[in-house]
Amino acid sequence: MPKRRTAPPRQTTAKGAKIVSAYLENADVFRTAKAAGTTPRGPAVLVLRNRPDFVKKDFDRKAKDLVRLGQEGKLVKTKPVRRQLPHKDPNKPGTRKTTTIFRDRLLRQLGRGQNYRSNKGLVDALFRGKDQKRHPVTGPGVTRDPDHIHELQLGGTDTYDNLRLMDAWTNREIGREIGLALDDVPYGTPVIVKVIP
């Protein structure tokens, strides 16, 4: 007599398949409305999931903040607006991004005396983030980036009080995948965030 399976079959992923960290739970509603030329009613439900290549602590903190902001009704799909600030030095042409200034200020504060010795790993990670050609972000733990707590694409502001440090790989991948997930969602649509453990 053949042995009967008592447990459900194991779920496996195909070799080379990429795990997605953000997807839209009600994507079919928004795709259908976009194709029909109508506006869907109700919020977009964004689902976040930690990937094995993410720094778990950073992902959990980011996901917790987005869930809270969604519950407060502060998440709305918007076109990201980045501030460009002029250099303080009149001899330097062009402008600088808020995140670049934030990184430079941290490096100045942490690069002095005892601060440097006690935060050497963090300072080195911040310096690696300044030079993308010599230190490309190809995986977790390479460098740290200033991260917008309230995502710019979800109605956040590009100000210093909305920035904190986060693993660069985790930050960039979450932001990219949130943007892809919200591709069919029209601007001005409220967003609710759920997290899958």
N, C-alpha and C. Protein backbone atom coordinates (compact mmCIF):
# COMPACT_ATOMS: atom_id res chain seq x y z
N MET A 1 0.84 -1.18 0.00
CA MET A 1 0.00 0.00 0.00
C MET A 1 0.89 1.25 0.00
N PRO A 2 0.65 2.22 -0.91
CA PRO A 2 1.48 3.42 -0.95
C PRO A 2 1.27 4.29 0.29
N LYS A 3 2.36 4.93 0.64
CA LYS A 3 2.31 5.81 1.81
C LYS A 3 1.53 7.07 1.45
N ARG A 4 0.59 7.45 2.32
CA ARG A 4 -0.23 8.64 2.07
C ARG A 4 0.42 9.86 2.70
N ARG A 5 0.31 10.93 2.00
CA ARG A 5 0.85 12.20 2.51
C ARG A 5 -0.10 12.75 3.56
N THR A 6 0.45 13.04 4.74
CA THR A 6 -0.37 13.61 5.81
C THR A 6 -0.14 15.09 5.97
N ALA A 7 1.00 15.57 5.52
CA ALA A 7 1.30 17.00 5.61
C ALA A 7 1.08 17.65 4.25
N PRO A 8 0.76 18.93 4.23
CA PRO A 8 0.61 19.60 2.92
C PRO A 8 1.94 19.62 2.18
N PRO A 9 1.91 19.68 0.85
CA PRO A 9 3.16 19.70 0.09
C PRO A 9 3.98 20.95 0.42
N ARG A 10 5.29 20.80 0.38
CA ARG A 10 6.18 21.94 0.65
C ARG A 10 6.07 22.97 -0.45
N GLN A 11 6.07 24.22 -0.04
CA GLN A 11 6.07 25.31 -1.01
C GLN A 11 7.51 25.62 -1.38
N THR A 12 7.83 25.58 -2.63
CA THR A 12 9.18 25.90 -3.07
C THR A 12 9.13 27.00 -4.11
N THR A 13 10.23 27.67 -4.25
CA THR A 13 10.32 28.68 -5.30
C THR A 13 11.21 28.13 -6.40
N ALA A 14 10.93 28.51 -7.60
CA ALA A 14 11.72 28.04 -8.73
C ALA A 14 13.14 28.58 -8.61
N LYS A 15 14.09 27.82 -9.10
CA LYS A 15 15.47 28.25 -9.04
C LYS A 15 15.63 29.54 -9.84
N GLY A 16 16.24 30.52 -9.20
CA GLY A 16 16.45 31.81 -9.86
C GLY A 16 15.27 32.77 -9.72
N ALA A 17 14.15 32.32 -9.12
CA ALA A 17 13.00 33.20 -8.95
C ALA A 17 13.32 34.24 -7.88
N LYS A 18 12.88 35.46 -8.10
CA LYS A 18 13.15 36.54 -7.17
C LYS A 18 11.94 36.75 -6.27
N ILE A 19 12.19 36.86 -4.99
CA ILE A 19 11.12 37.13 -4.03
C ILE A 19 10.83 38.62 -4.07
N VAL A 20 9.58 38.98 -4.18
CA VAL A 20 9.18 40.38 -4.24
C VAL A 20 8.88 40.87 -2.83
N SER A 21 9.37 42.05 -2.49
CA SER A 21 9.16 42.57 -1.14
C SER A 21 7.94 43.47 -1.03
N ALA A 22 7.38 43.92 -2.15
CA ALA A 22 6.21 44.80 -2.11
C ALA A 22 5.31 44.49 -3.30
N TYR A 23 4.04 44.28 -3.02
CA TYR A 23 3.07 44.08 -4.09
C TYR A 23 1.72 44.66 -3.65
N LEU A 24 0.86 44.89 -4.61
CA LEU A 24 -0.44 45.47 -4.35
C LEU A 24 -1.47 44.36 -4.20
N GLU A 25 -2.13 44.31 -3.06
CA GLU A 25 -3.11 43.26 -2.79
C GLU A 25 -4.31 43.36 -3.73
N ASN A 26 -4.73 44.57 -4.04
CA ASN A 26 -5.87 44.78 -4.92
C ASN A 26 -5.43 45.34 -6.28
N ALA A 27 -4.35 44.79 -6.82
CA ALA A 27 -3.79 45.26 -8.09
C ALA A 27 -4.77 45.10 -9.24
N ASP A 28 -5.56 44.02 -9.22
CA ASP A 28 -6.51 43.78 -10.31
C ASP A 28 -7.54 44.90 -10.42
N VAL A 29 -7.96 45.47 -9.30
CA VAL A 29 -8.93 46.58 -9.30
C VAL A 29 -8.34 47.78 -10.03
N PHE A 30 -7.08 48.09 -9.74
CA PHE A 30 -6.44 49.27 -10.34
C PHE A 30 -6.08 49.04 -11.80
N ARG A 31 -5.67 47.81 -12.15
CA ARG A 31 -5.36 47.50 -13.55
C ARG A 31 -6.62 47.59 -14.41
N THR A 32 -7.73 47.04 -13.89
CA THR A 32 -8.99 47.07 -14.61
C THR A 32 -9.48 48.51 -14.81
N ALA A 33 -9.39 49.30 -13.74
CA ALA A 33 -9.84 50.70 -13.83
C ALA A 33 -8.96 51.49 -14.80
N LYS A 34 -7.66 51.22 -14.81
CA LYS A 34 -6.76 51.93 -15.73
C LYS A 34 -7.10 51.57 -17.18
N ALA A 35 -7.37 50.29 -17.43
CA ALA A 35 -7.71 49.85 -18.78
C ALA A 35 -9.05 50.42 -19.23
N ALA A 36 -10.00 50.55 -18.29
CA ALA A 36 -11.32 51.07 -18.62
C ALA A 36 -11.37 52.59 -18.63
N GLY A 37 -10.32 53.23 -18.12
CA GLY A 37 -10.29 54.69 -18.08
C GLY A 37 -11.11 55.27 -16.95
N THR A 38 -11.36 54.48 -15.91
CA THR A 38 -12.14 54.95 -14.75
C THR A 38 -11.22 55.10 -13.55
N THR A 39 -11.77 55.69 -12.49
CA THR A 39 -11.02 55.85 -11.25
C THR A 39 -11.58 54.89 -10.22
N PRO A 40 -10.75 54.01 -9.66
CA PRO A 40 -11.24 53.08 -8.65
C PRO A 40 -11.51 53.79 -7.33
N ARG A 41 -12.47 53.26 -6.59
CA ARG A 41 -12.77 53.81 -5.27
C ARG A 41 -12.04 52.98 -4.22
N GLY A 42 -11.69 53.61 -3.14
CA GLY A 42 -11.04 52.91 -2.05
C GLY A 42 -9.53 53.01 -2.12
N PRO A 43 -8.89 52.64 -1.02
CA PRO A 43 -7.43 52.77 -0.96
C PRO A 43 -6.71 51.61 -1.65
N ALA A 44 -5.46 51.86 -1.99
CA ALA A 44 -4.58 50.81 -2.49
C ALA A 44 -4.01 50.09 -1.27
N VAL A 45 -4.00 48.77 -1.30
CA VAL A 45 -3.48 47.99 -0.17
C VAL A 45 -2.12 47.43 -0.56
N LEU A 46 -1.08 48.01 0.00
CA LEU A 46 0.30 47.64 -0.29
C LEU A 46 0.76 46.61 0.74
N VAL A 47 1.26 45.48 0.26
CA VAL A 47 1.72 44.41 1.15
C VAL A 47 3.25 44.36 1.08
N LEU A 48 3.89 44.41 2.25
CA LEU A 48 5.35 44.34 2.35
C LEU A 48 5.76 43.01 2.95
N ARG A 49 6.86 42.47 2.43
CA ARG A 49 7.39 41.20 2.94
C ARG A 49 8.91 41.29 2.97
N ASN A 50 9.49 40.82 4.07
CA ASN A 50 10.94 40.84 4.21
C ASN A 50 11.56 39.80 3.29
N ARG A 51 12.60 40.19 2.59
CA ARG A 51 13.34 39.26 1.74
C ARG A 51 14.57 38.77 2.49
N PRO A 52 15.07 37.60 2.13
CA PRO A 52 16.26 37.08 2.82
C PRO A 52 17.51 37.96 2.64
N ASP A 53 17.56 38.74 1.58
CA ASP A 53 18.74 39.58 1.35
C ASP A 53 18.61 40.96 1.99
N PHE A 54 17.55 41.21 2.74
CA PHE A 54 17.39 42.48 3.44
C PHE A 54 17.98 42.40 4.84
N VAL A 55 18.37 43.56 5.39
CA VAL A 55 18.75 43.64 6.79
C VAL A 55 17.43 43.70 7.57
N LYS A 56 17.14 42.65 8.32
CA LYS A 56 15.82 42.48 8.96
C LYS A 56 15.45 43.65 9.87
N LYS A 57 16.42 44.11 10.66
CA LYS A 57 16.14 45.22 11.59
C LYS A 57 15.68 46.46 10.84
N ASP A 58 16.36 46.78 9.74
CA ASP A 58 16.00 47.96 8.96
C ASP A 58 14.65 47.78 8.26
N PHE A 59 14.41 46.58 7.71
CA PHE A 59 13.12 46.32 7.06
C PHE A 59 11.99 46.45 8.07
N ASP A 60 12.14 45.84 9.24
CA ASP A 60 11.08 45.89 10.26
C ASP A 60 10.77 47.31 10.68
N ARG A 61 11.81 48.13 10.86
CA ARG A 61 11.60 49.52 11.26
C ARG A 61 10.87 50.30 10.17
N LYS A 62 11.28 50.09 8.92
CA LYS A 62 10.64 50.77 7.79
C LYS A 62 9.18 50.35 7.66
N ALA A 63 8.93 49.04 7.72
CA ALA A 63 7.57 48.52 7.58
C ALA A 63 6.67 49.01 8.71
N LYS A 64 7.19 49.03 9.93
CA LYS A 64 6.40 49.49 11.09
C LYS A 64 5.98 50.95 10.91
N ASP A 65 6.92 51.79 10.44
CA ASP A 65 6.60 53.21 10.22
C ASP A 65 5.57 53.39 9.11
N LEU A 66 5.70 52.62 8.02
CA LEU A 66 4.73 52.75 6.92
C LEU A 66 3.35 52.27 7.33
N VAL A 67 3.28 51.21 8.13
CA VAL A 67 1.97 50.73 8.64
C VAL A 67 1.33 51.82 9.49
N ARG A 68 2.12 52.41 10.39
CA ARG A 68 1.60 53.48 11.27
C ARG A 68 1.11 54.67 10.46
N LEU A 69 1.91 55.11 9.49
CA LEU A 69 1.51 56.26 8.65
C LEU A 69 0.25 55.94 7.85
N GLY A 70 0.11 54.70 7.38
CA GLY A 70 -1.09 54.30 6.66
C GLY A 70 -2.32 54.32 7.54
N GLN A 71 -2.17 53.86 8.79
CA GLN A 71 -3.29 53.87 9.73
C GLN A 71 -3.69 55.29 10.09
N GLU A 72 -2.74 56.20 10.10
CA GLU A 72 -3.02 57.61 10.39
C GLU A 72 -3.59 58.34 9.17
N GLY A 73 -3.66 57.66 8.01
CA GLY A 73 -4.20 58.27 6.80
C GLY A 73 -3.24 59.23 6.12
N LYS A 74 -1.94 59.09 6.36
CA LYS A 74 -0.96 60.02 5.80
C LYS A 74 -0.30 59.53 4.51
N LEU A 75 -0.57 58.29 4.10
CA LEU A 75 0.04 57.76 2.88
C LEU A 75 -0.87 57.97 1.69
N VAL A 76 -0.38 58.70 0.71
CA VAL A 76 -1.10 58.98 -0.52
C VAL A 76 -0.10 58.90 -1.66
N LYS A 77 -0.46 58.23 -2.75
CA LYS A 77 0.49 58.16 -3.87
C LYS A 77 0.65 59.55 -4.47
N THR A 78 1.89 60.01 -4.50
CA THR A 78 2.19 61.32 -5.05
C THR A 78 3.44 61.22 -5.92
N LYS A 79 3.65 62.23 -6.71
CA LYS A 79 4.88 62.30 -7.50
C LYS A 79 5.98 62.80 -6.56
N PRO A 80 7.09 62.05 -6.44
CA PRO A 80 8.15 62.47 -5.51
C PRO A 80 8.75 63.82 -5.89
N VAL A 81 8.95 64.66 -4.88
CA VAL A 81 9.56 65.97 -5.09
C VAL A 81 10.82 66.04 -4.23
N ARG A 82 11.97 66.11 -4.89
CA ARG A 82 13.25 66.21 -4.17
C ARG A 82 13.72 67.66 -4.20
N ARG A 83 14.11 68.14 -3.01
CA ARG A 83 14.63 69.51 -2.92
C ARG A 83 16.06 69.54 -3.42
N GLN A 84 16.39 70.56 -4.17
CA GLN A 84 17.76 70.82 -4.61
C GLN A 84 18.20 72.11 -3.94
N LEU A 85 19.20 72.02 -3.09
CA LEU A 85 19.66 73.18 -2.34
C LEU A 85 20.99 73.69 -2.90
N PRO A 86 21.16 75.01 -2.98
CA PRO A 86 22.42 75.55 -3.51
C PRO A 86 23.57 75.30 -2.52
N HIS A 87 24.78 75.23 -3.05
CA HIS A 87 25.97 75.10 -2.21
C HIS A 87 26.14 76.34 -1.36
N LYS A 88 26.64 76.16 -0.13
CA LYS A 88 26.96 77.33 0.70
C LYS A 88 28.18 78.05 0.15
N ASP A 89 29.08 77.28 -0.45
CA ASP A 89 30.30 77.85 -1.04
C ASP A 89 29.95 78.40 -2.42
N PRO A 90 30.03 79.72 -2.64
CA PRO A 90 29.66 80.29 -3.93
C PRO A 90 30.57 79.85 -5.08
N ASN A 91 31.76 79.31 -4.75
CA ASN A 91 32.68 78.85 -5.80
C ASN A 91 32.29 77.50 -6.38
N LYS A 92 31.40 76.78 -5.70
CA LYS A 92 30.96 75.47 -6.19
C LYS A 92 29.66 75.63 -6.97
N PRO A 93 29.64 75.20 -8.22
CA PRO A 93 28.43 75.35 -9.02
C PRO A 93 27.41 74.27 -8.69
N GLY A 94 26.17 74.50 -9.10
CA GLY A 94 25.14 73.47 -8.98
C GLY A 94 24.46 73.43 -7.63
N THR A 95 23.73 72.35 -7.44
CA THR A 95 22.94 72.18 -6.23
C THR A 95 23.26 70.81 -5.60
N ARG A 96 22.75 70.61 -4.38
CA ARG A 96 22.93 69.34 -3.68
C ARG A 96 21.59 68.83 -3.18
N LYS A 97 21.45 67.51 -3.12
CA LYS A 97 20.23 66.91 -2.59
C LYS A 97 20.24 66.95 -1.07
N THR A 98 19.06 66.93 -0.48
CA THR A 98 18.92 66.93 0.98
C THR A 98 19.62 65.72 1.59
N THR A 99 19.50 64.56 0.94
CA THR A 99 20.13 63.35 1.48
C THR A 99 21.65 63.46 1.48
N THR A 100 22.21 64.11 0.48
CA THR A 100 23.67 64.29 0.42
C THR A 100 24.14 65.20 1.55
N ILE A 101 23.41 66.28 1.78
CA ILE A 101 23.76 67.21 2.86
C ILE A 101 23.64 66.51 4.21
N PHE A 102 22.57 65.70 4.39
CA PHE A 102 22.37 64.95 5.63
C PHE A 102 23.55 64.01 5.89
N ARG A 103 23.97 63.27 4.85
CA ARG A 103 25.11 62.35 4.97
C ARG A 103 26.38 63.12 5.34
N ASP A 104 26.63 64.25 4.66
CA ASP A 104 27.84 65.03 4.93
C ASP A 104 27.85 65.59 6.34
N ARG A 105 26.71 66.03 6.85
CA ARG A 105 26.64 66.54 8.22
C ARG A 105 26.95 65.44 9.23
N LEU A 106 26.40 64.25 9.00
CA LEU A 106 26.69 63.12 9.89
C LEU A 106 28.18 62.78 9.87
N LEU A 107 28.77 62.76 8.68
CA LEU A 107 30.19 62.45 8.57
C LEU A 107 31.04 63.49 9.31
N ARG A 108 30.65 64.75 9.22
CA ARG A 108 31.39 65.80 9.93
C ARG A 108 31.29 65.60 11.44
N GLN A 109 30.07 65.28 11.93
CA GLN A 109 29.88 65.10 13.37
C GLN A 109 30.59 63.85 13.88
N LEU A 110 30.49 62.75 13.12
CA LEU A 110 31.07 61.49 13.57
C LEU A 110 32.56 61.38 13.29
N GLY A 111 33.09 62.23 12.44
CA GLY A 111 34.49 62.13 12.04
C GLY A 111 35.46 62.81 12.97
N ARG A 112 34.99 63.31 14.10
CA ARG A 112 35.85 64.04 15.02
C ARG A 112 36.24 63.20 16.23
N GLY A 113 37.50 63.11 16.51
CA GLY A 113 38.06 62.54 17.75
C GLY A 113 37.41 61.26 18.24
N GLN A 114 36.88 61.30 19.45
CA GLN A 114 36.30 60.13 20.10
C GLN A 114 35.09 59.61 19.33
N ASN A 115 34.32 60.50 18.72
CA ASN A 115 33.16 60.05 17.93
C ASN A 115 33.60 59.10 16.82
N TYR A 116 34.73 59.41 16.17
CA TYR A 116 35.19 58.56 15.08
C TYR A 116 35.59 57.18 15.59
N ARG A 117 36.33 57.15 16.69
CA ARG A 117 36.80 55.87 17.20
C ARG A 117 35.64 54.97 17.63
N SER A 118 34.60 55.54 18.21
CA SER A 118 33.48 54.71 18.68
C SER A 118 32.48 54.39 17.56
N ASN A 119 32.55 55.10 16.42
CA ASN A 119 31.61 54.87 15.32
C ASN A 119 32.33 54.59 14.00
N LYS A 120 33.49 53.98 14.07
CA LYS A 120 34.32 53.78 12.87
C LYS A 120 33.58 53.00 11.78
N GLY A 121 32.86 51.95 12.13
CA GLY A 121 32.13 51.14 11.14
C GLY A 121 31.06 51.96 10.43
N LEU A 122 30.33 52.78 11.18
CA LEU A 122 29.29 53.61 10.60
C LEU A 122 29.89 54.68 9.68
N VAL A 123 30.97 55.31 10.13
CA VAL A 123 31.62 56.34 9.32
C VAL A 123 32.13 55.74 8.01
N ASP A 124 32.75 54.57 8.10
CA ASP A 124 33.25 53.91 6.88
C ASP A 124 32.10 53.57 5.92
N ALA A 125 30.98 53.08 6.46
CA ALA A 125 29.82 52.75 5.62
C ALA A 125 29.25 54.00 4.95
N LEU A 126 29.22 55.12 5.67
CA LEU A 126 28.74 56.38 5.09
C LEU A 126 29.68 56.87 3.99
N PHE A 127 31.00 56.75 4.20
CA PHE A 127 31.96 57.16 3.17
C PHE A 127 31.82 56.29 1.93
N ARG A 128 31.61 54.99 2.10
CA ARG A 128 31.44 54.11 0.93
C ARG A 128 30.21 54.52 0.13
N GLY A 129 29.18 55.03 0.79
CA GLY A 129 27.97 55.46 0.09
C GLY A 129 28.16 56.71 -0.76
N LYS A 130 29.21 57.48 -0.48
CA LYS A 130 29.46 58.70 -1.25
C LYS A 130 30.02 58.41 -2.63
N ASP A 131 30.72 57.29 -2.78
CA ASP A 131 31.39 56.98 -4.04
C ASP A 131 30.78 55.71 -4.65
N GLN A 132 29.74 55.89 -5.46
CA GLN A 132 29.02 54.75 -6.05
C GLN A 132 29.85 53.99 -7.07
N LYS A 133 30.82 54.64 -7.69
CA LYS A 133 31.63 53.96 -8.70
C LYS A 133 32.62 53.00 -8.05
N ARG A 134 33.25 53.42 -6.98
CA ARG A 134 34.22 52.55 -6.29
C ARG A 134 33.54 51.54 -5.38
N HIS A 135 32.38 51.89 -4.83
CA HIS A 135 31.68 51.01 -3.89
C HIS A 135 30.22 50.85 -4.32
N PRO A 136 29.93 50.10 -5.39
CA PRO A 136 28.54 49.94 -5.81
C PRO A 136 27.75 49.11 -4.79
N VAL A 137 26.49 49.43 -4.66
CA VAL A 137 25.64 48.71 -3.72
C VAL A 137 25.11 47.47 -4.43
N THR A 138 25.72 46.33 -4.13
CA THR A 138 25.35 45.08 -4.80
C THR A 138 24.72 44.08 -3.84
N GLY A 139 24.57 44.45 -2.59
CA GLY A 139 23.98 43.56 -1.60
C GLY A 139 23.92 44.24 -0.25
N PRO A 140 23.34 43.54 0.73
CA PRO A 140 23.19 44.15 2.05
C PRO A 140 24.54 44.31 2.76
N GLY A 141 24.62 45.33 3.60
CA GLY A 141 25.79 45.53 4.43
C GLY A 141 26.93 46.28 3.78
N VAL A 142 26.80 46.70 2.52
CA VAL A 142 27.89 47.40 1.83
C VAL A 142 28.03 48.83 2.37
N THR A 143 26.91 49.52 2.47
CA THR A 143 26.93 50.91 2.91
C THR A 143 25.60 51.28 3.54
N ARG A 144 25.52 52.50 4.05
CA ARG A 144 24.28 53.00 4.65
C ARG A 144 23.86 54.26 3.89
N ASP A 145 22.55 54.42 3.76
CA ASP A 145 21.98 55.56 3.04
C ASP A 145 21.05 56.34 3.95
N PRO A 146 20.91 57.65 3.72
CA PRO A 146 19.81 58.37 4.34
C PRO A 146 18.51 57.87 3.71
N ASP A 147 17.55 57.51 4.55
CA ASP A 147 16.28 56.96 4.10
C ASP A 147 15.15 57.90 4.51
N HIS A 148 14.19 58.09 3.63
CA HIS A 148 13.00 58.89 3.98
C HIS A 148 12.07 58.00 4.78
N ILE A 149 11.80 58.37 6.02
CA ILE A 149 10.91 57.60 6.88
C ILE A 149 9.53 57.52 6.23
N HIS A 150 8.99 58.66 5.85
CA HIS A 150 7.73 58.75 5.10
C HIS A 150 8.14 58.87 3.64
N GLU A 151 8.01 57.78 2.89
CA GLU A 151 8.47 57.72 1.49
C GLU A 151 7.99 58.92 0.68
N LEU A 152 8.87 59.45 -0.15
CA LEU A 152 8.50 60.59 -1.01
C LEU A 152 7.36 60.20 -1.95
N GLN A 153 7.37 58.97 -2.47
CA GLN A 153 6.34 58.54 -3.41
C GLN A 153 5.00 58.29 -2.72
N LEU A 154 4.99 58.37 -1.38
CA LEU A 154 3.75 58.20 -0.62
C LEU A 154 3.39 59.47 0.15
N GLY A 155 3.86 60.60 -0.34
CA GLY A 155 3.46 61.89 0.23
C GLY A 155 4.40 62.44 1.28
N GLY A 156 5.59 61.86 1.44
CA GLY A 156 6.55 62.35 2.42
C GLY A 156 7.25 63.61 1.95
N THR A 157 7.90 64.30 2.89
CA THR A 157 8.62 65.52 2.56
C THR A 157 10.13 65.25 2.52
N ASP A 158 10.83 66.01 1.72
CA ASP A 158 12.27 65.87 1.59
C ASP A 158 12.94 66.84 2.55
N THR A 159 12.81 66.56 3.85
CA THR A 159 13.38 67.41 4.90
C THR A 159 14.25 66.55 5.82
N TYR A 160 15.10 67.22 6.59
CA TYR A 160 16.03 66.49 7.47
C TYR A 160 15.30 65.69 8.54
N ASP A 161 14.18 66.21 9.06
CA ASP A 161 13.48 65.47 10.12
C ASP A 161 12.75 64.23 9.58
N ASN A 162 12.73 64.04 8.28
CA ASN A 162 12.12 62.85 7.68
C ASN A 162 13.21 61.86 7.21
N LEU A 163 14.45 62.06 7.66
CA LEU A 163 15.55 61.20 7.24
C LEU A 163 16.15 60.44 8.42
N ARG A 164 16.61 59.23 8.13
CA ARG A 164 17.39 58.43 9.08
C ARG A 164 18.26 57.47 8.28
N LEU A 165 19.25 56.88 8.93
CA LEU A 165 20.14 55.97 8.23
C LEU A 165 19.53 54.57 8.13
N MET A 166 19.81 53.93 7.00
CA MET A 166 19.30 52.58 6.76
C MET A 166 20.28 51.87 5.82
N ASP A 167 20.30 50.55 5.87
CA ASP A 167 21.13 49.79 4.95
C ASP A 167 20.75 50.18 3.52
N ALA A 168 21.75 50.51 2.70
CA ALA A 168 21.50 51.04 1.36
C ALA A 168 20.75 50.05 0.47
N TRP A 169 21.14 48.78 0.49
CA TRP A 169 20.49 47.77 -0.36
C TRP A 169 19.02 47.64 0.01
N THR A 170 18.74 47.49 1.30
CA THR A 170 17.36 47.34 1.77
C THR A 170 16.53 48.56 1.39
N ASN A 171 17.08 49.75 1.63
CA ASN A 171 16.39 51.00 1.34
C ASN A 171 16.05 51.12 -0.15
N ARG A 172 17.03 50.90 -1.00
CA ARG A 172 16.83 51.10 -2.44
C ARG A 172 15.88 50.06 -3.03
N GLU A 173 16.00 48.82 -2.57
CA GLU A 173 15.13 47.77 -3.09
C GLU A 173 13.68 47.96 -2.66
N ILE A 174 13.46 48.32 -1.39
CA ILE A 174 12.08 48.56 -0.92
C ILE A 174 11.47 49.72 -1.71
N GLY A 175 12.21 50.81 -1.85
CA GLY A 175 11.70 51.96 -2.58
C GLY A 175 11.37 51.63 -4.03
N ARG A 176 12.27 50.87 -4.68
CA ARG A 176 12.05 50.48 -6.08
C ARG A 176 10.81 49.60 -6.21
N GLU A 177 10.67 48.63 -5.32
CA GLU A 177 9.54 47.69 -5.43
C GLU A 177 8.21 48.33 -5.04
N ILE A 178 8.23 49.29 -4.12
CA ILE A 178 7.00 50.04 -3.81
C ILE A 178 6.58 50.82 -5.04
N GLY A 179 7.53 51.45 -5.71
CA GLY A 179 7.22 52.20 -6.93
C GLY A 179 6.63 51.31 -8.01
N LEU A 180 7.20 50.12 -8.20
CA LEU A 180 6.66 49.18 -9.19
C LEU A 180 5.26 48.70 -8.82
N ALA A 181 5.05 48.43 -7.53
CA ALA A 181 3.75 47.94 -7.08
C ALA A 181 2.66 49.00 -7.28
N LEU A 182 3.01 50.27 -7.13
CA LEU A 182 2.03 51.35 -7.24
C LEU A 182 1.95 51.92 -8.65
N ASP A 183 2.52 51.24 -9.63
CA ASP A 183 2.58 51.76 -10.99
C ASP A 183 1.21 52.06 -11.59
N ASP A 184 0.23 51.19 -11.38
CA ASP A 184 -1.11 51.39 -11.96
C ASP A 184 -2.03 52.23 -11.09
N VAL A 185 -1.56 52.63 -9.91
CA VAL A 185 -2.38 53.41 -8.97
C VAL A 185 -2.30 54.89 -9.35
N PRO A 186 -3.46 55.55 -9.53
CA PRO A 186 -3.42 56.98 -9.88
C PRO A 186 -2.95 57.85 -8.72
N TYR A 187 -2.35 59.00 -9.05
CA TYR A 187 -1.90 59.94 -8.03
C TYR A 187 -3.10 60.40 -7.21
N GLY A 188 -2.87 60.60 -5.91
CA GLY A 188 -3.93 61.05 -5.02
C GLY A 188 -4.67 59.91 -4.33
N THR A 189 -4.36 58.66 -4.67
CA THR A 189 -5.02 57.51 -4.06
C THR A 189 -4.43 57.24 -2.68
N PRO A 190 -5.27 57.10 -1.64
CA PRO A 190 -4.74 56.74 -0.32
C PRO A 190 -4.18 55.32 -0.34
N VAL A 191 -3.17 55.09 0.51
CA VAL A 191 -2.51 53.78 0.55
C VAL A 191 -2.52 53.26 1.99
N ILE A 192 -2.84 51.98 2.12
CA ILE A 192 -2.78 51.28 3.41
C ILE A 192 -1.68 50.23 3.26
N VAL A 193 -0.90 50.02 4.32
CA VAL A 193 0.20 49.07 4.26
C VAL A 193 -0.06 47.90 5.21
N LYS A 194 0.18 46.69 4.70
CA LYS A 194 0.14 45.48 5.51
C LYS A 194 1.51 44.83 5.44
N VAL A 195 1.88 44.08 6.47
CA VAL A 195 3.17 43.40 6.49
C VAL A 195 2.94 41.91 6.67
N ILE A 196 3.59 41.12 5.82
CA ILE A 196 3.57 39.66 5.96
C ILE A 196 4.84 39.26 6.70
N PRO A 197 4.71 38.55 7.81
CA PRO A 197 5.93 38.17 8.55
C PRO A 197 6.79 37.18 7.78
